Amino acid sequence: MTEVATARRSRITPEREAELYSAVLDLLREVGYDALTMDAVAARTRSSKATLYRQWGGKPELVVKAMRHNKPGRIGDVDTGSIRGDLHTLLAREDDCTMERNSDLMRALAMASHTNPDLMRAFKELLVEPEMAEFRRVMQRAVDRGEIRADCPALEYVTHMLVGAFATRTLIDDLPPTQEFLRSYTDAVVLPALGVTTP
């Protein structure tokens, strides 16, 4: 499966791929997932539908790969020497404006995935599961350093806590998520739950 996907991707240059992904995200913001069509993507990117289907297989895969491509760097590569430093660095990778735009997009896609099994599958396989594996590497390093006990019950809920804060900021406070809010939340909630003292 990976070999097939790699062979498909090799026909498009990285620059062209980035251009296509950017156009897909722009369309998503304009019309939403349900109204986005492969015809519209083909027209916006001056591509053929056949090329799009050959490269990505379908709309769910194209949309989720565009979302993943838009993310800054690999989570697992962040290693500052402390879990607080790692979490703060991860939160600082997007400025407040980008975070707000991506929050709106993620919320819309999450809603659409509940009525679209193909999107839900692509979302989990191509975005959620790889990012969870990367994040587990960050947490395991903290355990290996002795910052967090290996049997800490909060370990398996860190992602839930962070995603929950990100997703519910607008719902509860009618405000977008910001770096300041998420850093403060991390220090006040996530790190204490992990048994990590903050300065």
C-alpha atoms as a PDB file:
ATOM      1  CA  MET A   1       0.000   0.000   0.000  1.00  0.00           C
ATOM      2  CA  THR A   2       2.786   2.429   0.932  1.00  0.00           C
ATOM      3  CA  GLU A   3       4.739   1.524  -2.203  1.00  0.00           C
ATOM      4  CA  VAL A   4       1.690   2.194  -4.367  1.00  0.00           C
ATOM      5  CA  ALA A   5       1.077   5.547  -2.669  1.00  0.00           C
ATOM      6  CA  THR A   6       4.734   6.504  -3.073  1.00  0.00           C
ATOM      7  CA  ALA A   7       4.667   5.552  -6.742  1.00  0.00           C
ATOM      8  CA  ARG A   8       1.536   7.646  -7.242  1.00  0.00           C
ATOM      9  CA  ARG A   9       3.018  10.674  -5.480  1.00  0.00           C
ATOM     10  CA  SER A  10       6.296  10.518  -7.402  1.00  0.00           C
ATOM     11  CA  ARG A  11       4.644  11.894 -10.547  1.00  0.00           C
ATOM     12  CA  ILE A  12       4.056  15.307  -8.961  1.00  0.00           C
ATOM     13  CA  THR A  13       6.862  17.574  -7.785  1.00  0.00           C
ATOM     14  CA  PRO A  14       6.873  18.607  -4.109  1.00  0.00           C
ATOM     15  CA  GLU A  15       6.233  22.214  -5.173  1.00  0.00           C
ATOM     16  CA  ARG A  16       3.215  21.225  -7.246  1.00  0.00           C
ATOM     17  CA  GLU A  17       1.943  19.003  -4.442  1.00  0.00           C
ATOM     18  CA  ALA A  18       2.199  21.905  -1.970  1.00  0.00           C
ATOM     19  CA  GLU A  19       0.343  24.157  -4.426  1.00  0.00           C
ATOM     20  CA  LEU A  20      -2.455  21.601  -4.768  1.00  0.00           C
ATOM     21  CA  TYR A  21      -2.762  21.161  -1.007  1.00  0.00           C
ATOM     22  CA  SER A  22      -2.933  24.914  -0.490  1.00  0.00           C
ATOM     23  CA  ALA A  23      -5.718  25.191  -3.056  1.00  0.00           C
ATOM     24  CA  VAL A  24      -7.651  22.348  -1.410  1.00  0.00           C
ATOM     25  CA  LEU A  25      -7.483  24.069   1.993  1.00  0.00           C
ATOM     26  CA  ASP A  26      -8.587  27.373   0.464  1.00  0.00           C
ATOM     27  CA  LEU A  27     -11.588  25.640  -1.122  1.00  0.00           C
ATOM     28  CA  LEU A  28     -12.411  23.902   2.150  1.00  0.00           C
ATOM     29  CA  ARG A  29     -12.500  27.252   3.944  1.00  0.00           C
ATOM     30  CA  GLU A  30     -14.677  28.718   1.215  1.00  0.00           C
ATOM     31  CA  VAL A  31     -17.281  26.004   0.709  1.00  0.00           C
ATOM     32  CA  GLY A  32     -16.806  23.326   3.389  1.00  0.00           C
ATOM     33  CA  TYR A  33     -16.145  19.628   2.962  1.00  0.00           C
ATOM     34  CA  ASP A  34     -19.552  18.519   1.677  1.00  0.00           C
ATOM     35  CA  ALA A  35     -19.665  21.144  -1.091  1.00  0.00           C
ATOM     36  CA  LEU A  36     -16.054  20.617  -2.124  1.00  0.00           C
ATOM     37  CA  THR A  37     -15.835  18.545  -5.297  1.00  0.00           C
ATOM     38  CA  MET A  38     -12.968  17.024  -7.218  1.00  0.00           C
ATOM     39  CA  ASP A  39     -14.205  19.059 -10.205  1.00  0.00           C
ATOM     40  CA  ALA A  40     -13.707  22.249  -8.195  1.00  0.00           C
ATOM     41  CA  VAL A  41     -10.241  21.155  -7.091  1.00  0.00           C
ATOM     42  CA  ALA A  42      -9.317  20.273 -10.679  1.00  0.00           C
ATOM     43  CA  ALA A  43     -10.509  23.670 -11.920  1.00  0.00           C
ATOM     44  CA  ARG A  44      -8.796  25.606  -9.111  1.00  0.00           C
ATOM     45  CA  THR A  45      -5.490  23.790  -9.587  1.00  0.00           C
ATOM     46  CA  ARG A  46      -5.610  23.437 -13.384  1.00  0.00           C
ATOM     47  CA  SER A  47      -5.418  19.653 -13.022  1.00  0.00           C
ATOM     48  CA  SER A  48      -7.401  16.823 -14.475  1.00  0.00           C
ATOM     49  CA  LYS A  49      -9.730  14.841 -12.252  1.00  0.00           C
ATOM     50  CA  ALA A  50      -7.998  11.694 -13.480  1.00  0.00           C
ATOM     51  CA  THR A  51      -4.697  12.995 -12.108  1.00  0.00           C
ATOM     52  CA  LEU A  52      -6.259  13.819  -8.759  1.00  0.00           C
ATOM     53  CA  TYR A  53      -7.854  10.390  -8.411  1.00  0.00           C
ATOM     54  CA  ARG A  54      -4.676   8.650  -9.568  1.00  0.00           C
ATOM     55  CA  GLN A  55      -2.556  10.541  -7.025  1.00  0.00           C
ATOM     56  CA  TRP A  56      -4.876  10.529  -4.013  1.00  0.00           C
ATOM     57  CA  GLY A  57      -7.617   8.001  -4.646  1.00  0.00           C
ATOM     58  CA  GLY A  58     -10.496  10.291  -3.656  1.00  0.00           C
ATOM     59  CA  LYS A  59     -11.669  13.411  -1.887  1.00  0.00           C
ATOM     60  CA  PRO A  60     -11.227  12.166   1.713  1.00  0.00           C
ATOM     61  CA  GLU A  61      -7.588  11.221   1.151  1.00  0.00           C
ATOM     62  CA  LEU A  62      -6.820  14.452  -0.698  1.00  0.00           C
ATOM     63  CA  VAL A  63      -8.382  16.615   2.004  1.00  0.00           C
ATOM     64  CA  VAL A  64      -6.694  14.846   4.911  1.00  0.00           C
ATOM     65  CA  LYS A  65      -3.298  14.794   3.180  1.00  0.00           C
ATOM     66  CA  ALA A  66      -3.700  18.536   2.576  1.00  0.00           C
ATOM     67  CA  MET A  67      -4.402  19.021   6.290  1.00  0.00           C
ATOM     68  CA  ARG A  68      -1.375  16.949   7.265  1.00  0.00           C
ATOM     69  CA  HIS A  69       0.902  18.719   4.794  1.00  0.00           C
ATOM     70  CA  ASN A  70      -0.165  22.030   6.341  1.00  0.00           C
ATOM     71  CA  LYS A  71       1.171  21.009   9.746  1.00  0.00           C
ATOM     72  CA  PRO A  72       4.593  22.421  10.684  1.00  0.00           C
ATOM     73  CA  GLY A  73       7.163  19.632  11.038  1.00  0.00           C
ATOM     74  CA  ARG A  74       7.020  16.290  12.781  1.00  0.00           C
ATOM     75  CA  ILE A  75       5.836  16.175  16.375  1.00  0.00           C
ATOM     76  CA  GLY A  76       8.305  13.437  17.303  1.00  0.00           C
ATOM     77  CA  ASP A  77      11.288  15.572  16.266  1.00  0.00           C
ATOM     78  CA  VAL A  78      10.666  18.065  19.077  1.00  0.00           C
ATOM     79  CA  ASP A  79      13.117  17.356  21.893  1.00  0.00           C
ATOM     80  CA  THR A  80      14.049  20.295  24.130  1.00  0.00           C
ATOM     81  CA  GLY A  81      15.189  18.148  27.052  1.00  0.00           C
ATOM     82  CA  SER A  82      12.054  18.658  29.153  1.00  0.00           C
ATOM     83  CA  ILE A  83       8.403  17.800  28.708  1.00  0.00           C
ATOM     84  CA  ARG A  84       7.371  21.373  29.518  1.00  0.00           C
ATOM     85  CA  GLY A  85       9.759  22.671  26.880  1.00  0.00           C
ATOM     86  CA  ASP A  86       8.535  20.082  24.370  1.00  0.00           C
ATOM     87  CA  LEU A  87       4.861  20.930  24.894  1.00  0.00           C
ATOM     88  CA  HIS A  88       5.470  24.676  24.775  1.00  0.00           C
ATOM     89  CA  THR A  89       7.528  24.259  21.591  1.00  0.00           C
ATOM     90  CA  LEU A  90       4.774  22.220  19.954  1.00  0.00           C
ATOM     91  CA  LEU A  91       2.213  24.867  20.883  1.00  0.00           C
ATOM     92  CA  ALA A  92       4.430  27.649  19.483  1.00  0.00           C
ATOM     93  CA  ARG A  93       4.701  26.115  16.003  1.00  0.00           C
ATOM     94  CA  GLU A  94       1.603  27.980  14.796  1.00  0.00           C
ATOM     95  CA  ASP A  95       0.924  31.648  15.415  1.00  0.00           C
ATOM     96  CA  ASP A  96      -2.461  32.704  16.795  1.00  0.00           C
ATOM     97  CA  CYS A  97      -3.876  33.630  13.384  1.00  0.00           C
ATOM     98  CA  THR A  98      -2.939  30.280  11.832  1.00  0.00           C
ATOM     99  CA  MET A  99      -4.207  28.450  14.902  1.00  0.00           C
ATOM    100  CA  GLU A 100      -7.601  30.163  14.634  1.00  0.00           C
ATOM    101  CA  ARG A 101      -7.931  29.344  10.927  1.00  0.00           C
ATOM    102  CA  ASN A 102      -6.912  25.730  11.479  1.00  0.00           C
ATOM    103  CA  SER A 103      -9.236  25.420  14.477  1.00  0.00           C
ATOM    104  CA  ASP A 104     -12.198  26.417  12.328  1.00  0.00           C
ATOM    105  CA  LEU A 105     -11.122  23.985   9.631  1.00  0.00           C
ATOM    106  CA  MET A 106     -10.587  21.080  12.031  1.00  0.00           C
ATOM    107  CA  ARG A 107     -13.958  21.694  13.672  1.00  0.00           C
ATOM    108  CA  ALA A 108     -15.702  21.654  10.287  1.00  0.00           C
ATOM    109  CA  LEU A 109     -13.904  18.480   9.217  1.00  0.00           C
ATOM    110  CA  ALA A 110     -14.653  16.762  12.511  1.00  0.00           C
ATOM    111  CA  MET A 111     -18.347  17.511  12.018  1.00  0.00           C
ATOM    112  CA  ALA A 112     -18.257  16.267   8.419  1.00  0.00           C
ATOM    113  CA  SER A 113     -16.465  13.065   9.429  1.00  0.00           C
ATOM    114  CA  HIS A 114     -19.428  12.015  11.593  1.00  0.00           C
ATOM    115  CA  THR A 115     -21.631  11.681   8.507  1.00  0.00           C
ATOM    116  CA  ASN A 116     -18.921  10.505   6.119  1.00  0.00           C
ATOM    117  CA  PRO A 117     -17.290   7.164   7.007  1.00  0.00           C
ATOM    118  CA  ASP A 118     -14.665   7.505   4.251  1.00  0.00           C
ATOM    119  CA  LEU A 119     -13.533  10.852   5.641  1.00  0.00           C
ATOM    120  CA  MET A 120     -13.491   9.444   9.184  1.00  0.00           C
ATOM    121  CA  ARG A 121     -11.332   6.510   8.037  1.00  0.00           C
ATOM    122  CA  ALA A 122      -8.907   8.765   6.151  1.00  0.00           C
ATOM    123  CA  PHE A 123      -8.810  11.200   9.079  1.00  0.00           C
ATOM    124  CA  LYS A 124      -7.849   8.428  11.508  1.00  0.00           C
ATOM    125  CA  GLU A 125      -5.442   6.541   9.244  1.00  0.00           C
ATOM    126  CA  LEU A 126      -3.637   9.476   7.634  1.00  0.00           C
ATOM    127  CA  LEU A 127      -3.703  12.128  10.342  1.00  0.00           C
ATOM    128  CA  VAL A 128      -4.761  11.037  13.827  1.00  0.00           C
ATOM    129  CA  GLU A 129      -2.893   7.719  14.116  1.00  0.00           C
ATOM    130  CA  PRO A 130       0.452   8.970  12.701  1.00  0.00           C
ATOM    131  CA  GLU A 131       0.340  12.074  14.907  1.00  0.00           C
ATOM    132  CA  MET A 132      -0.571  10.022  17.985  1.00  0.00           C
ATOM    133  CA  ALA A 133       2.429   7.751  17.307  1.00  0.00           C
ATOM    134  CA  GLU A 134       4.674  10.816  17.024  1.00  0.00           C
ATOM    135  CA  PHE A 135       3.266  12.318  20.218  1.00  0.00           C
ATOM    136  CA  ARG A 136       3.822   9.049  22.090  1.00  0.00           C
ATOM    137  CA  ARG A 137       7.519   9.361  21.217  1.00  0.00           C
ATOM    138  CA  VAL A 138       7.617  12.775  22.903  1.00  0.00           C
ATOM    139  CA  MET A 139       5.890  11.416  26.008  1.00  0.00           C
ATOM    140  CA  GLN A 140       8.094   8.299  26.117  1.00  0.00           C
ATOM    141  CA  ARG A 141      11.211  10.468  26.137  1.00  0.00           C
ATOM    142  CA  ALA A 142       9.798  12.292  29.173  1.00  0.00           C
ATOM    143  CA  VAL A 143       9.267   8.938  30.881  1.00  0.00           C
ATOM    144  CA  ASP A 144      12.783   7.812  29.927  1.00  0.00           C
ATOM    145  CA  ARG A 145      14.204  11.050  31.386  1.00  0.00           C
ATOM    146  CA  GLY A 146      12.385  10.325  34.628  1.00  0.00           C
ATOM    147  CA  GLU A 147      10.134  13.386  34.416  1.00  0.00           C
ATOM    148  CA  ILE A 148       6.938  11.336  34.314  1.00  0.00           C
ATOM    149  CA  ARG A 149       6.287   8.018  36.051  1.00  0.00           C
ATOM    150  CA  ALA A 150       5.703   5.197  33.589  1.00  0.00           C
ATOM    151  CA  ASP A 151       2.549   4.243  35.525  1.00  0.00           C
ATOM    152  CA  CYS A 152       1.144   7.790  35.613  1.00  0.00           C
ATOM    153  CA  PRO A 153      -2.606   7.373  34.912  1.00  0.00           C
ATOM    154  CA  ALA A 154      -2.798  10.736  33.089  1.00  0.00           C
ATOM    155  CA  LEU A 155      -0.313   9.649  30.397  1.00  0.00           C
ATOM    156  CA  GLU A 156      -2.943   8.124  28.140  1.00  0.00           C
ATOM    157  CA  TYR A 157      -5.138  11.228  28.386  1.00  0.00           C
ATOM    158  CA  VAL A 158      -2.641  13.977  27.501  1.00  0.00           C
ATOM    159  CA  THR A 159      -3.800  14.202  23.890  1.00  0.00           C
ATOM    160  CA  HIS A 160      -7.423  14.293  25.001  1.00  0.00           C
ATOM    161  CA  MET A 161      -6.642  17.147  27.378  1.00  0.00           C
ATOM    162  CA  LEU A 162      -4.794  19.201  24.767  1.00  0.00           C
ATOM    163  CA  VAL A 163      -7.264  18.573  21.950  1.00  0.00           C
ATOM    164  CA  GLY A 164     -10.131  19.271  24.350  1.00  0.00           C
ATOM    165  CA  ALA A 165      -8.684  22.649  25.318  1.00  0.00           C
ATOM    166  CA  PHE A 166      -8.058  23.528  21.678  1.00  0.00           C
ATOM    167  CA  ALA A 167     -11.496  22.425  20.499  1.00  0.00           C
ATOM    168  CA  THR A 168     -13.621  23.831  23.320  1.00  0.00           C
ATOM    169  CA  ARG A 169     -11.980  27.240  23.709  1.00  0.00           C
ATOM    170  CA  THR A 170     -14.416  28.765  21.206  1.00  0.00           C
ATOM    171  CA  LEU A 171     -17.404  26.803  22.506  1.00  0.00           C
ATOM    172  CA  ILE A 172     -16.929  27.760  26.150  1.00  0.00           C
ATOM    173  CA  ASP A 173     -15.276  31.179  25.990  1.00  0.00           C
ATOM    174  CA  ASP A 174     -16.344  32.349  22.526  1.00  0.00           C
ATOM    175  CA  LEU A 175     -12.647  33.002  21.849  1.00  0.00           C
ATOM    176  CA  PRO A 176     -10.177  31.341  19.495  1.00  0.00           C
ATOM    177  CA  PRO A 177      -7.403  29.139  20.889  1.00  0.00           C
ATOM    178  CA  THR A 178      -4.177  31.100  21.328  1.00  0.00           C
ATOM    179  CA  GLN A 179      -0.622  30.222  22.262  1.00  0.00           C
ATOM    180  CA  GLU A 180      -0.979  32.086  25.565  1.00  0.00           C
ATOM    181  CA  PHE A 181      -4.171  30.222  26.495  1.00  0.00           C
ATOM    182  CA  LEU A 182      -2.757  26.807  25.575  1.00  0.00           C
ATOM    183  CA  ARG A 183       0.563  27.413  27.363  1.00  0.00           C
ATOM    184  CA  SER A 184      -1.297  28.515  30.479  1.00  0.00           C
ATOM    185  CA  TYR A 185      -3.613  25.497  30.244  1.00  0.00           C
ATOM    186  CA  THR A 186      -0.641  23.173  29.815  1.00  0.00           C
ATOM    187  CA  ASP A 187       1.089  24.563  32.895  1.00  0.00           C
ATOM    188  CA  ALA A 188      -2.074  24.636  35.019  1.00  0.00           C
ATOM    189  CA  VAL A 189      -3.696  21.364  33.958  1.00  0.00           C
ATOM    190  CA  VAL A 190      -1.630  19.013  31.804  1.00  0.00           C
ATOM    191  CA  LEU A 191       1.730  19.111  33.577  1.00  0.00           C
ATOM    192  CA  PRO A 192       0.288  18.823  37.117  1.00  0.00           C
ATOM    193  CA  ALA A 193      -1.798  15.862  35.951  1.00  0.00           C
ATOM    194  CA  LEU A 194       1.457  14.241  34.820  1.00  0.00           C
ATOM    195  CA  GLY A 195       3.105  14.971  38.170  1.00  0.00           C
ATOM    196  CA  VAL A 196       5.429  17.565  36.643  1.00  0.00           C
ATOM    197  CA  THR A 197       6.039  20.690  38.693  1.00  0.00           C
ATOM    198  CA  THR A 198       6.181  23.987  36.835  1.00  0.00           C
ATOM    199  CA  PRO A 199       8.382  26.963  37.727  1.00  0.00           C
END
